[in-house]
Amino acid sequence: MPATILVIDDDPNIRETLGIHLRNAGYQVRTAKDGIEGGHAVLERRPDLIITDAQMPHMDGFELVAALRADPSVAAIPVIMLTSETEYEDRGKRLGVEDYVTKPVRADRLLALVERYAKRGA
């Protein structure tokens, strides 16, 4: 069974574009529009990997990762963050974010990271 990837981003175009790339690569994809919706989605059905934007309204990606890492039942889910290198270095590493991708997203880099972390999470 293919890995399930949860894509969380407030931009519907980013969600759609990432979903297309991931589905074409054989993954199952679920989406959420912000960290709150993403957190609910994780608890409803645990994904194998989460790709989340750093900057979102209501609950940003860093707050989401902090909440996930505080819950032992979902703390081990790998997370790739869509962010700037500076944000990742400053906040993401401290929270245990596995890796990051900068926008605009290069599909080849994203898919290489997804393959690495989805296999580990599955």
PDB file of N, CA and C in Angstrom:
ATOM      1  N   MET A   1       0.843  -1.182   0.000  1.00  0.00           N
ATOM      2  CA  MET A   1       0.000   0.000   0.000  1.00  0.00           C
ATOM      3  C   MET A   1       0.889   1.246   0.000  1.00  0.00           C
ATOM      4  N   PRO A   2       0.586   2.209  -0.854  1.00  0.00           N
ATOM      5  CA  PRO A   2       1.444   3.397  -0.929  1.00  0.00           C
ATOM      6  C   PRO A   2       1.345   4.245   0.338  1.00  0.00           C
ATOM      7  N   ALA A   3       2.418   4.958   0.616  1.00  0.00           N
ATOM      8  CA  ALA A   3       2.453   5.853   1.777  1.00  0.00           C
ATOM      9  C   ALA A   3       1.420   6.960   1.610  1.00  0.00           C
ATOM     10  N   THR A   4       0.866   7.398   2.734  1.00  0.00           N
ATOM     11  CA  THR A   4      -0.077   8.508   2.740  1.00  0.00           C
ATOM     12  C   THR A   4       0.647   9.774   3.192  1.00  0.00           C
ATOM     13  N   ILE A   5       0.539  10.814   2.381  1.00  0.00           N
ATOM     14  CA  ILE A   5       1.182  12.095   2.664  1.00  0.00           C
ATOM     15  C   ILE A   5       0.097  13.117   2.961  1.00  0.00           C
ATOM     16  N   LEU A   6       0.248  13.840   4.070  1.00  0.00           N
ATOM     17  CA  LEU A   6      -0.656  14.926   4.403  1.00  0.00           C
ATOM     18  C   LEU A   6       0.025  16.235   4.038  1.00  0.00           C
ATOM     19  N   VAL A   7      -0.579  16.991   3.121  1.00  0.00           N
ATOM     20  CA  VAL A   7      -0.055  18.286   2.684  1.00  0.00           C
ATOM     21  C   VAL A   7      -0.882  19.378   3.349  1.00  0.00           C
ATOM     22  N   ILE A   8      -0.203  20.266   4.094  1.00  0.00           N
ATOM     23  CA  ILE A   8      -0.881  21.340   4.809  1.00  0.00           C
ATOM     24  C   ILE A   8      -0.329  22.672   4.316  1.00  0.00           C
ATOM     25  N   ASP A   9      -1.196  23.461   3.679  1.00  0.00           N
ATOM     26  CA  ASP A   9      -0.790  24.769   3.175  1.00  0.00           C
ATOM     27  C   ASP A   9      -2.039  25.618   2.999  1.00  0.00           C
ATOM     28  N   ASP A  10      -1.949  26.898   3.326  1.00  0.00           N
ATOM     29  CA  ASP A  10      -3.118  27.771   3.190  1.00  0.00           C
ATOM     30  C   ASP A  10      -3.359  28.206   1.751  1.00  0.00           C
ATOM     31  N   ASP A  11      -2.415  27.971   0.873  1.00  0.00           N
ATOM     32  CA  ASP A  11      -2.560  28.331  -0.539  1.00  0.00           C
ATOM     33  C   ASP A  11      -3.112  27.127  -1.309  1.00  0.00           C
ATOM     34  N   PRO A  12      -4.349  27.232  -1.825  1.00  0.00           N
ATOM     35  CA  PRO A  12      -4.936  26.086  -2.534  1.00  0.00           C
ATOM     36  C   PRO A  12      -4.141  25.674  -3.765  1.00  0.00           C
ATOM     37  N   ASN A  13      -3.472  26.609  -4.413  1.00  0.00           N
ATOM     38  CA  ASN A  13      -2.662  26.257  -5.585  1.00  0.00           C
ATOM     39  C   ASN A  13      -1.463  25.401  -5.201  1.00  0.00           C
ATOM     40  N   ILE A  14      -0.848  25.704  -4.078  1.00  0.00           N
ATOM     41  CA  ILE A  14       0.279  24.890  -3.600  1.00  0.00           C
ATOM     42  C   ILE A  14      -0.222  23.491  -3.238  1.00  0.00           C
ATOM     43  N   ARG A  15      -1.331  23.426  -2.497  1.00  0.00           N
ATOM     44  CA  ARG A  15      -1.887  22.105  -2.142  1.00  0.00           C
ATOM     45  C   ARG A  15      -2.160  21.275  -3.384  1.00  0.00           C
ATOM     46  N   GLU A  16      -2.777  21.901  -4.380  1.00  0.00           N
ATOM     47  CA  GLU A  16      -3.118  21.173  -5.605  1.00  0.00           C
ATOM     48  C   GLU A  16      -1.869  20.734  -6.358  1.00  0.00           C
ATOM     49  N   THR A  17      -0.909  21.633  -6.497  1.00  0.00           N
ATOM     50  CA  THR A  17       0.315  21.314  -7.239  1.00  0.00           C
ATOM     51  C   THR A  17       1.098  20.192  -6.565  1.00  0.00           C
ATOM     52  N   LEU A  18       1.283  20.305  -5.246  1.00  0.00           N
ATOM     53  CA  LEU A  18       2.002  19.247  -4.531  1.00  0.00           C
ATOM     54  C   LEU A  18       1.237  17.929  -4.616  1.00  0.00           C
ATOM     55  N   GLY A  19      -0.084  18.003  -4.506  1.00  0.00           N
ATOM     56  CA  GLY A  19      -0.905  16.801  -4.621  1.00  0.00           C
ATOM     57  C   GLY A  19      -0.725  16.105  -5.961  1.00  0.00           C
ATOM     58  N   ILE A  20      -0.681  16.877  -7.028  1.00  0.00           N
ATOM     59  CA  ILE A  20      -0.483  16.304  -8.368  1.00  0.00           C
ATOM     60  C   ILE A  20       0.861  15.586  -8.452  1.00  0.00           C
ATOM     61  N   HIS A  21       1.930  16.260  -8.003  1.00  0.00           N
ATOM     62  CA  HIS A  21       3.268  15.648  -8.053  1.00  0.00           C
ATOM     63  C   HIS A  21       3.322  14.368  -7.225  1.00  0.00           C
ATOM     64  N   LEU A  22       2.751  14.414  -6.040  1.00  0.00           N
ATOM     65  CA  LEU A  22       2.810  13.255  -5.146  1.00  0.00           C
ATOM     66  C   LEU A  22       1.957  12.098  -5.659  1.00  0.00           C
ATOM     67  N   ARG A  23       0.754  12.394  -6.158  1.00  0.00           N
ATOM     68  CA  ARG A  23      -0.097  11.324  -6.712  1.00  0.00           C
ATOM     69  C   ARG A  23       0.554  10.700  -7.942  1.00  0.00           C
ATOM     70  N   ASN A  24       1.147  11.535  -8.789  1.00  0.00           N
ATOM     71  CA  ASN A  24       1.835  11.008  -9.973  1.00  0.00           C
ATOM     72  C   ASN A  24       3.005  10.114  -9.598  1.00  0.00           C
ATOM     73  N   ALA A  25       3.581  10.347  -8.420  1.00  0.00           N
ATOM     74  CA  ALA A  25       4.691   9.510  -7.944  1.00  0.00           C
ATOM     75  C   ALA A  25       4.179   8.266  -7.199  1.00  0.00           C
ATOM     76  N   GLY A  26       2.852   8.118  -7.085  1.00  0.00           N
ATOM     77  CA  GLY A  26       2.287   6.915  -6.507  1.00  0.00           C
ATOM     78  C   GLY A  26       1.864   7.000  -5.051  1.00  0.00           C
ATOM     79  N   TYR A  27       1.888   8.175  -4.478  1.00  0.00           N
ATOM     80  CA  TYR A  27       1.491   8.333  -3.079  1.00  0.00           C
ATOM     81  C   TYR A  27       0.008   8.645  -2.957  1.00  0.00           C
ATOM     82  N   GLN A  28      -0.570   8.287  -1.808  1.00  0.00           N
ATOM     83  CA  GLN A  28      -1.907   8.742  -1.464  1.00  0.00           C
ATOM     84  C   GLN A  28      -1.741  10.105  -0.808  1.00  0.00           C
ATOM     85  N   VAL A  29      -2.626  11.044  -1.140  1.00  0.00           N
ATOM     86  CA  VAL A  29      -2.485  12.409  -0.642  1.00  0.00           C
ATOM     87  C   VAL A  29      -3.768  12.870   0.024  1.00  0.00           C
ATOM     88  N   ARG A  30      -3.605  13.474   1.185  1.00  0.00           N
ATOM     89  CA  ARG A  30      -4.682  14.185   1.870  1.00  0.00           C
ATOM     90  C   ARG A  30      -4.205  15.612   2.056  1.00  0.00           C
ATOM     91  N   THR A  31      -5.130  16.550   2.174  1.00  0.00           N
ATOM     92  CA  THR A  31      -4.742  17.947   2.310  1.00  0.00           C
ATOM     93  C   THR A  31      -5.498  18.626   3.446  1.00  0.00           C
ATOM     94  N   ALA A  32      -4.898  19.717   3.930  1.00  0.00           N
ATOM     95  CA  ALA A  32      -5.524  20.566   4.938  1.00  0.00           C
ATOM     96  C   ALA A  32      -5.081  21.997   4.673  1.00  0.00           C
ATOM     97  N   LYS A  33      -5.933  22.969   5.065  1.00  0.00           N
ATOM     98  CA  LYS A  33      -5.668  24.364   4.728  1.00  0.00           C
ATOM     99  C   LYS A  33      -4.909  25.137   5.801  1.00  0.00           C
ATOM    100  N   ASP A  34      -4.764  24.581   6.996  1.00  0.00           N
ATOM    101  CA  ASP A  34      -3.981  25.243   8.034  1.00  0.00           C
ATOM    102  C   ASP A  34      -3.612  24.216   9.103  1.00  0.00           C
ATOM    103  N   GLY A  35      -2.862  24.667  10.104  1.00  0.00           N
ATOM    104  CA  GLY A  35      -2.392  23.752  11.134  1.00  0.00           C
ATOM    105  C   GLY A  35      -3.497  23.135  11.965  1.00  0.00           C
ATOM    106  N   ILE A  36      -4.560  23.882  12.204  1.00  0.00           N
ATOM    107  CA  ILE A  36      -5.676  23.337  12.981  1.00  0.00           C
ATOM    108  C   ILE A  36      -6.338  22.197  12.228  1.00  0.00           C
ATOM    109  N   GLU A  37      -6.674  22.435  10.965  1.00  0.00           N
ATOM    110  CA  GLU A  37      -7.281  21.383  10.147  1.00  0.00           C
ATOM    111  C   GLU A  37      -6.310  20.217   9.975  1.00  0.00           C
ATOM    112  N   GLY A  38      -5.027  20.534   9.812  1.00  0.00           N
ATOM    113  CA  GLY A  38      -4.017  19.489   9.677  1.00  0.00           C
ATOM    114  C   GLY A  38      -3.900  18.638  10.922  1.00  0.00           C
ATOM    115  N   GLY A  39      -3.957  19.269  12.093  1.00  0.00           N
ATOM    116  CA  GLY A  39      -3.902  18.515  13.345  1.00  0.00           C
ATOM    117  C   GLY A  39      -5.066  17.559  13.479  1.00  0.00           C
ATOM    118  N   HIS A  40      -6.260  18.021  13.110  1.00  0.00           N
ATOM    119  CA  HIS A  40      -7.431  17.143  13.132  1.00  0.00           C
ATOM    120  C   HIS A  40      -7.250  15.983  12.160  1.00  0.00           C
ATOM    121  N   ALA A  41      -6.704  16.280  10.973  1.00  0.00           N
ATOM    122  CA  ALA A  41      -6.502  15.235   9.965  1.00  0.00           C
ATOM    123  C   ALA A  41      -5.524  14.168  10.458  1.00  0.00           C
ATOM    124  N   VAL A  42      -4.484  14.591  11.179  1.00  0.00           N
ATOM    125  CA  VAL A  42      -3.510  13.640  11.723  1.00  0.00           C
ATOM    126  C   VAL A  42      -4.181  12.713  12.730  1.00  0.00           C
ATOM    127  N   LEU A  43      -5.017  13.284  13.577  1.00  0.00           N
ATOM    128  CA  LEU A  43      -5.679  12.478  14.601  1.00  0.00           C
ATOM    129  C   LEU A  43      -6.762  11.569  14.032  1.00  0.00           C
ATOM    130  N   GLU A  44      -7.406  12.005  12.928  1.00  0.00           N
ATOM    131  CA  GLU A  44      -8.428  11.174  12.287  1.00  0.00           C
ATOM    132  C   GLU A  44      -7.823   9.939  11.643  1.00  0.00           C
ATOM    133  N   ARG A  45      -6.726  10.138  10.927  1.00  0.00           N
ATOM    134  CA  ARG A  45      -6.065   9.030  10.230  1.00  0.00           C
ATOM    135  C   ARG A  45      -4.601   9.393  10.064  1.00  0.00           C
ATOM    136  N   ARG A  46      -3.775   8.713  10.797  1.00  0.00           N
ATOM    137  CA  ARG A  46      -2.345   9.012  10.853  1.00  0.00           C
ATOM    138  C   ARG A  46      -1.682   8.873   9.476  1.00  0.00           C
ATOM    139  N   PRO A  47      -1.043   9.950   8.991  1.00  0.00           N
ATOM    140  CA  PRO A  47      -0.314   9.851   7.726  1.00  0.00           C
ATOM    141  C   PRO A  47       1.083   9.262   7.955  1.00  0.00           C
ATOM    142  N   ASP A  48       1.730   8.862   6.874  1.00  0.00           N
ATOM    143  CA  ASP A  48       3.102   8.365   6.961  1.00  0.00           C
ATOM    144  C   ASP A  48       4.108   9.513   6.952  1.00  0.00           C
ATOM    145  N   LEU A  49       3.691  10.657   6.409  1.00  0.00           N
ATOM    146  CA  LEU A  49       4.564  11.824   6.293  1.00  0.00           C
ATOM    147  C   LEU A  49       3.691  13.065   6.223  1.00  0.00           C
ATOM    148  N   ILE A  50       4.185  14.165   6.788  1.00  0.00           N
ATOM    149  CA  ILE A  50       3.490  15.450   6.719  1.00  0.00           C
ATOM    150  C   ILE A  50       4.383  16.446   6.003  1.00  0.00           C
ATOM    151  N   ILE A  51       3.805  17.170   5.048  1.00  0.00           N
ATOM    152  CA  ILE A  51       4.473  18.307   4.413  1.00  0.00           C
ATOM    153  C   ILE A  51       3.642  19.514   4.803  1.00  0.00           C
ATOM    154  N   THR A  52       4.246  20.451   5.522  1.00  0.00           N
ATOM    155  CA  THR A  52       3.492  21.606   5.988  1.00  0.00           C
ATOM    156  C   THR A  52       4.202  22.913   5.677  1.00  0.00           C
ATOM    157  N   ASP A  53       3.406  23.916   5.367  1.00  0.00           N
ATOM    158  CA  ASP A  53       3.926  25.268   5.196  1.00  0.00           C
ATOM    159  C   ASP A  53       4.284  25.800   6.570  1.00  0.00           C
ATOM    160  N   ALA A  54       5.283  26.652   6.636  1.00  0.00           N
ATOM    161  CA  ALA A  54       5.659  27.272   7.907  1.00  0.00           C
ATOM    162  C   ALA A  54       4.712  28.403   8.266  1.00  0.00           C
ATOM    163  N   GLN A  55       4.369  29.243   7.296  1.00  0.00           N
ATOM    164  CA  GLN A  55       3.578  30.450   7.549  1.00  0.00           C
ATOM    165  C   GLN A  55       2.140  30.250   7.103  1.00  0.00           C
ATOM    166  N   MET A  56       1.245  30.096   8.081  1.00  0.00           N
ATOM    167  CA  MET A  56      -0.185  29.933   7.805  1.00  0.00           C
ATOM    168  C   MET A  56      -0.965  30.670   8.885  1.00  0.00           C
ATOM    169  N   PRO A  57      -2.195  31.061   8.580  1.00  0.00           N
ATOM    170  CA  PRO A  57      -3.032  31.691   9.609  1.00  0.00           C
ATOM    171  C   PRO A  57      -3.512  30.650  10.633  1.00  0.00           C
ATOM    172  N   HIS A  58      -3.976  31.132  11.753  1.00  0.00           N
ATOM    173  CA  HIS A  58      -4.580  30.345  12.833  1.00  0.00           C
ATOM    174  C   HIS A  58      -3.552  29.537  13.606  1.00  0.00           C
ATOM    175  N   MET A  59      -2.882  28.593  12.952  1.00  0.00           N
ATOM    176  CA  MET A  59      -1.828  27.791  13.575  1.00  0.00           C
ATOM    177  C   MET A  59      -0.783  27.544  12.512  1.00  0.00           C
ATOM    178  N   ASP A  60       0.416  28.095  12.700  1.00  0.00           N
ATOM    179  CA  ASP A  60       1.431  27.936  11.656  1.00  0.00           C
ATOM    180  C   ASP A  60       2.095  26.561  11.758  1.00  0.00           C
ATOM    181  N   GLY A  61       2.974  26.281  10.814  1.00  0.00           N
ATOM    182  CA  GLY A  61       3.620  24.979  10.762  1.00  0.00           C
ATOM    183  C   GLY A  61       4.477  24.680  11.970  1.00  0.00           C
ATOM    184  N   PHE A  62       5.130  25.699  12.517  1.00  0.00           N
ATOM    185  CA  PHE A  62       5.965  25.486  13.695  1.00  0.00           C
ATOM    186  C   PHE A  62       5.111  25.119  14.915  1.00  0.00           C
ATOM    187  N   GLU A  63       3.982  25.787  15.081  1.00  0.00           N
ATOM    188  CA  GLU A  63       3.074  25.466  16.185  1.00  0.00           C
ATOM    189  C   GLU A  63       2.507  24.058  16.017  1.00  0.00           C
ATOM    190  N   LEU A  64       2.185  23.694  14.782  1.00  0.00           N
ATOM    191  CA  LEU A  64       1.682  22.352  14.512  1.00  0.00           C
ATOM    192  C   LEU A  64       2.723  21.300  14.880  1.00  0.00           C
ATOM    193  N   VAL A  65       3.955  21.497  14.448  1.00  0.00           N
ATOM    194  CA  VAL A  65       5.009  20.518  14.746  1.00  0.00           C
ATOM    195  C   VAL A  65       5.229  20.417  16.253  1.00  0.00           C
ATOM    196  N   ALA A  66       5.228  21.547  16.951  1.00  0.00           N
ATOM    197  CA  ALA A  66       5.389  21.513  18.409  1.00  0.00           C
ATOM    198  C   ALA A  66       4.271  20.689  19.051  1.00  0.00           C
ATOM    199  N   ALA A  67       3.043  20.860  18.587  1.00  0.00           N
ATOM    200  CA  ALA A  67       1.911  20.099  19.125  1.00  0.00           C
ATOM    201  C   ALA A  67       2.059  18.607  18.809  1.00  0.00           C
ATOM    202  N   LEU A  68       2.486  18.281  17.599  1.00  0.00           N
ATOM    203  CA  LEU A  68       2.674  16.878  17.224  1.00  0.00           C
ATOM    204  C   LEU A  68       3.763  16.224  18.062  1.00  0.00           C
ATOM    205  N   ARG A  69       4.874  16.926  18.245  1.00  0.00           N
ATOM    206  CA  ARG A  69       5.999  16.365  19.000  1.00  0.00           C
ATOM    207  C   ARG A  69       5.650  16.174  20.480  1.00  0.00           C
ATOM    208  N   ALA A  70       4.655  16.917  20.976  1.00  0.00           N
ATOM    209  CA  ALA A  70       4.236  16.793  22.374  1.00  0.00           C
ATOM    210  C   ALA A  70       3.280  15.620  22.597  1.00  0.00           C
ATOM    211  N   ASP A  71       2.767  15.029  21.520  1.00  0.00           N
ATOM    212  CA  ASP A  71       1.818  13.918  21.614  1.00  0.00           C
ATOM    213  C   ASP A  71       2.530  12.624  21.222  1.00  0.00           C
ATOM    214  N   PRO A  72       2.819  11.754  22.177  1.00  0.00           N
ATOM    215  CA  PRO A  72       3.577  10.531  21.874  1.00  0.00           C
ATOM    216  C   PRO A  72       2.954   9.661  20.782  1.00  0.00           C
ATOM    217  N   SER A  73       1.643   9.728  20.598  1.00  0.00           N
ATOM    218  CA  SER A  73       0.995   8.869  19.603  1.00  0.00           C
ATOM    219  C   SER A  73       1.288   9.308  18.167  1.00  0.00           C
ATOM    220  N   VAL A  74       1.716  10.551  17.968  1.00  0.00           N
ATOM    221  CA  VAL A  74       2.007  11.044  16.610  1.00  0.00           C
ATOM    222  C   VAL A  74       3.372  11.731  16.503  1.00  0.00           C
ATOM    223  N   ALA A  75       4.141  11.730  17.587  1.00  0.00           N
ATOM    224  CA  ALA A  75       5.411  12.458  17.624  1.00  0.00           C
ATOM    225  C   ALA A  75       6.429  11.961  16.606  1.00  0.00           C
ATOM    226  N   ALA A  76       6.352  10.706  16.217  1.00  0.00           N
ATOM    227  CA  ALA A  76       7.357  10.124  15.325  1.00  0.00           C
ATOM    228  C   ALA A  76       7.058  10.338  13.838  1.00  0.00           C
ATOM    229  N   ILE A  77       5.929  10.950  13.500  1.00  0.00           N
ATOM    230  CA  ILE A  77       5.616  11.171  12.083  1.00  0.00           C
ATOM    231  C   ILE A  77       6.627  12.151  11.517  1.00  0.00           C
ATOM    232  N   PRO A  78       7.331  11.782  10.434  1.00  0.00           N
ATOM    233  CA  PRO A  78       8.294  12.703   9.832  1.00  0.00           C
ATOM    234  C   PRO A  78       7.587  13.924   9.235  1.00  0.00           C
ATOM    235  N   VAL A  79       8.256  15.077   9.315  1.00  0.00           N
ATOM    236  CA  VAL A  79       7.707  16.326   8.802  1.00  0.00           C
ATOM    237  C   VAL A  79       8.728  16.995   7.889  1.00  0.00           C
ATOM    238  N   ILE A  80       8.255  17.398   6.711  1.00  0.00           N
ATOM    239  CA  ILE A  80       9.030  18.245   5.800  1.00  0.00           C
ATOM    240  C   ILE A  80       8.327  19.594   5.793  1.00  0.00           C
ATOM    241  N   MET A  81       9.078  20.662   6.021  1.00  0.00           N
ATOM    242  CA  MET A  81       8.475  21.984   6.101  1.00  0.00           C
ATOM    243  C   MET A  81       8.789  22.794   4.854  1.00  0.00           C
ATOM    244  N   LEU A  82       7.759  23.509   4.370  1.00  0.00           N
ATOM    245  CA  LEU A  82       7.927  24.453   3.268  1.00  0.00           C
ATOM    246  C   LEU A  82       8.260  25.791   3.912  1.00  0.00           C
ATOM    247  N   THR A  83       9.506  26.224   3.785  1.00  0.00           N
ATOM    248  CA  THR A  83       9.980  27.387   4.521  1.00  0.00           C
ATOM    249  C   THR A  83      11.258  27.930   3.919  1.00  0.00           C
ATOM    250  N   SER A  84      11.724  29.019   4.467  1.00  0.00           N
ATOM    251  CA  SER A  84      13.033  29.526   4.072  1.00  0.00           C
ATOM    252  C   SER A  84      14.094  28.771   4.867  1.00  0.00           C
ATOM    253  N   GLU A  85      15.293  28.746   4.357  1.00  0.00           N
ATOM    254  CA  GLU A  85      16.378  28.063   5.051  1.00  0.00           C
ATOM    255  C   GLU A  85      16.594  28.670   6.432  1.00  0.00           C
ATOM    256  N   THR A  86      16.486  29.984   6.546  1.00  0.00           N
ATOM    257  CA  THR A  86      16.683  30.662   7.821  1.00  0.00           C
ATOM    258  C   THR A  86      15.656  30.212   8.851  1.00  0.00           C
ATOM    259  N   GLU A  87      14.386  30.155   8.452  1.00  0.00           N
ATOM    260  CA  GLU A  87      13.340  29.707   9.377  1.00  0.00           C
ATOM    261  C   GLU A  87      13.588  28.273   9.830  1.00  0.00           C
ATOM    262  N   TYR A  88      13.980  27.421   8.881  1.00  0.00           N
ATOM    263  CA  TYR A  88      14.233  26.029   9.217  1.00  0.00           C
ATOM    264  C   TYR A  88      15.381  25.926  10.209  1.00  0.00           C
ATOM    265  N   GLU A  89      16.478  26.612   9.913  1.00  0.00           N
ATOM    266  CA  GLU A  89      17.650  26.554  10.793  1.00  0.00           C
ATOM    267  C   GLU A  89      17.316  27.104  12.174  1.00  0.00           C
ATOM    268  N   ASP A  90      16.570  28.193  12.224  1.00  0.00           N
ATOM    269  CA  ASP A  90      16.272  28.852  13.492  1.00  0.00           C
ATOM    270  C   ASP A  90      15.255  28.089  14.328  1.00  0.00           C
ATOM    271  N   ARG A  91      14.187  27.602  13.716  1.00  0.00           N
ATOM    272  CA  ARG A  91      13.090  27.016  14.485  1.00  0.00           C
ATOM    273  C   ARG A  91      12.831  25.554  14.172  1.00  0.00           C
ATOM    274  N   GLY A  92      12.928  25.201  12.908  1.00  0.00           N
ATOM    275  CA  GLY A  92      12.559  23.846  12.498  1.00  0.00           C
ATOM    276  C   GLY A  92      13.417  22.757  13.100  1.00  0.00           C
ATOM    277  N   LYS A  93      14.715  22.934  13.075  1.00  0.00           N
ATOM    278  CA  LYS A  93      15.608  21.912  13.626  1.00  0.00           C
ATOM    279  C   LYS A  93      15.351  21.689  15.109  1.00  0.00           C
ATOM    280  N   ARG A  94      15.123  22.779  15.833  1.00  0.00           N
ATOM    281  CA  ARG A  94      14.873  22.654  17.282  1.00  0.00           C
ATOM    282  C   ARG A  94      13.613  21.847  17.566  1.00  0.00           C
ATOM    283  N   LEU A  95      12.646  21.911  16.665  1.00  0.00           N
ATOM    284  CA  LEU A  95      11.383  21.193  16.852  1.00  0.00           C
ATOM    285  C   LEU A  95      11.446  19.753  16.343  1.00  0.00           C
ATOM    286  N   GLY A  96      12.512  19.403  15.657  1.00  0.00           N
ATOM    287  CA  GLY A  96      12.632  18.052  15.140  1.00  0.00           C
ATOM    288  C   GLY A  96      12.064  17.866  13.745  1.00  0.00           C
ATOM    289  N   VAL A  97      11.959  18.976  12.985  1.00  0.00           N
ATOM    290  CA  VAL A  97      11.523  18.873  11.590  1.00  0.00           C
ATOM    291  C   VAL A  97      12.639  18.166  10.825  1.00  0.00           C
ATOM    292  N   GLU A  98      12.278  17.140  10.059  1.00  0.00           N
ATOM    293  CA  GLU A  98      13.292  16.343   9.367  1.00  0.00           C
ATOM    294  C   GLU A  98      14.037  17.134   8.304  1.00  0.00           C
ATOM    295  N   ASP A  99      13.318  17.900   7.517  1.00  0.00           N
ATOM    296  CA  ASP A  99      13.952  18.613   6.404  1.00  0.00           C
ATOM    297  C   ASP A  99      13.047  19.748   5.972  1.00  0.00           C
ATOM    298  N   TYR A 100      13.471  20.477   4.972  1.00  0.00           N
ATOM    299  CA  TYR A 100      12.682  21.595   4.480  1.00  0.00           C
ATOM    300  C   TYR A 100      12.820  21.714   2.970  1.00  0.00           C
ATOM    301  N   VAL A 101      11.848  22.392   2.366  1.00  0.00           N
ATOM    302  CA  VAL A 101      11.856  22.719   0.944  1.00  0.00           C
ATOM    303  C   VAL A 101      11.469  24.185   0.853  1.00  0.00           C
ATOM    304  N   THR A 102      12.185  24.941   0.024  1.00  0.00           N
ATOM    305  CA  THR A 102      11.839  26.352  -0.148  1.00  0.00           C
ATOM    306  C   THR A 102      10.875  26.509  -1.313  1.00  0.00           C
ATOM    307  N   LYS A 103      10.068  27.571  -1.237  1.00  0.00           N
ATOM    308  CA  LYS A 103       9.156  27.915  -2.333  1.00  0.00           C
ATOM    309  C   LYS A 103       9.873  28.873  -3.260  1.00  0.00           C
ATOM    310  N   PRO A 104       9.675  28.806  -4.561  1.00  0.00           N
ATOM    311  CA  PRO A 104       8.854  27.814  -5.253  1.00  0.00           C
ATOM    312  C   PRO A 104       9.472  26.420  -5.145  1.00  0.00           C
ATOM    313  N   VAL A 105       8.610  25.453  -4.975  1.00  0.00           N
ATOM    314  CA  VAL A 105       9.032  24.078  -4.737  1.00  0.00           C
ATOM    315  C   VAL A 105       9.516  23.434  -6.027  1.00  0.00           C
ATOM    316  N   ARG A 106      10.706  22.842  -5.949  1.00  0.00           N
ATOM    317  CA  ARG A 106      11.207  22.026  -7.066  1.00  0.00           C
ATOM    318  C   ARG A 106      10.721  20.602  -6.842  1.00  0.00           C
ATOM    319  N   ALA A 107       9.974  20.099  -7.799  1.00  0.00           N
ATOM    320  CA  ALA A 107       9.362  18.775  -7.658  1.00  0.00           C
ATOM    321  C   ALA A 107      10.403  17.686  -7.428  1.00  0.00           C
ATOM    322  N   ASP A 108      11.554  17.752  -8.091  1.00  0.00           N
ATOM    323  CA  ASP A 108      12.548  16.690  -7.931  1.00  0.00           C
ATOM    324  C   ASP A 108      13.100  16.651  -6.512  1.00  0.00           C
ATOM    325  N   ARG A 109      13.353  17.813  -5.919  1.00  0.00           N
ATOM    326  CA  ARG A 109      13.843  17.843  -4.528  1.00  0.00           C
ATOM    327  C   ARG A 109      12.763  17.332  -3.573  1.00  0.00           C
ATOM    328  N   LEU A 110      11.539  17.801  -3.765  1.00  0.00           N
ATOM    329  CA  LEU A 110      10.452  17.375  -2.901  1.00  0.00           C
ATOM    330  C   LEU A 110      10.270  15.863  -2.954  1.00  0.00           C
ATOM    331  N   LEU A 111      10.218  15.298  -4.164  1.00  0.00           N
ATOM    332  CA  LEU A 111       9.982  13.859  -4.297  1.00  0.00           C
ATOM    333  C   LEU A 111      11.140  13.038  -3.731  1.00  0.00           C
ATOM    334  N   ALA A 112      12.366  13.534  -3.842  1.00  0.00           N
ATOM    335  CA  ALA A 112      13.503  12.822  -3.255  1.00  0.00           C
ATOM    336  C   ALA A 112      13.380  12.780  -1.729  1.00  0.00           C
ATOM    337  N   LEU A 113      12.982  13.886  -1.128  1.00  0.00           N
ATOM    338  CA  LEU A 113      12.801  13.922   0.323  1.00  0.00           C
ATOM    339  C   LEU A 113      11.627  13.049   0.757  1.00  0.00           C
ATOM    340  N   VAL A 114      10.535  13.129   0.019  1.00  0.00           N
ATOM    341  CA  VAL A 114       9.364  12.321   0.353  1.00  0.00           C
ATOM    342  C   VAL A 114       9.722  10.842   0.299  1.00  0.00           C
ATOM    343  N   GLU A 115      10.441  10.434  -0.718  1.00  0.00           N
ATOM    344  CA  GLU A 115      10.825   9.022  -0.826  1.00  0.00           C
ATOM    345  C   GLU A 115      11.659   8.598   0.383  1.00  0.00           C
ATOM    346  N   ARG A 116      12.581   9.434   0.792  1.00  0.00           N
ATOM    347  CA  ARG A 116      13.438   9.113   1.941  1.00  0.00           C
ATOM    348  C   ARG A 116      12.618   8.977   3.224  1.00  0.00           C
ATOM    349  N   TYR A 117      11.778   9.959   3.513  1.00  0.00           N
ATOM    350  CA  TYR A 117      11.085   9.977   4.801  1.00  0.00           C
ATOM    351  C   TYR A 117       9.796   9.163   4.815  1.00  0.00           C
ATOM    352  N   ALA A 118       9.123   9.019   3.705  1.00  0.00           N
ATOM    353  CA  ALA A 118       7.898   8.208   3.674  1.00  0.00           C
ATOM    354  C   ALA A 118       8.237   6.747   3.894  1.00  0.00           C
ATOM    355  N   LYS A 119       9.357   6.286   3.357  1.00  0.00           N
ATOM    356  CA  LYS A 119       9.759   4.890   3.560  1.00  0.00           C
ATOM    357  C   LYS A 119      10.061   4.637   5.029  1.00  0.00           C
ATOM    358  N   ARG A 120      10.713   5.619   5.665  1.00  0.00           N
ATOM    359  CA  ARG A 120      11.036   5.458   7.075  1.00  0.00           C
ATOM    360  C   ARG A 120       9.782   5.455   7.930  1.00  0.00           C
ATOM    361  N   GLY A 121       8.806   6.286   7.547  1.00  0.00           N
ATOM    362  CA  GLY A 121       7.591   6.398   8.325  1.00  0.00           C
ATOM    363  C   GLY A 121       6.631   5.244   8.122  1.00  0.00           C
ATOM    364  N   ALA A 122       6.742   4.546   6.991  1.00  0.00           N
ATOM    365  CA  ALA A 122       5.779   3.484   6.656  1.00  0.00           C
ATOM    366  C   ALA A 122       6.008   2.229   7.463  1.00  0.00           C
TER     367      ALA A 122
END
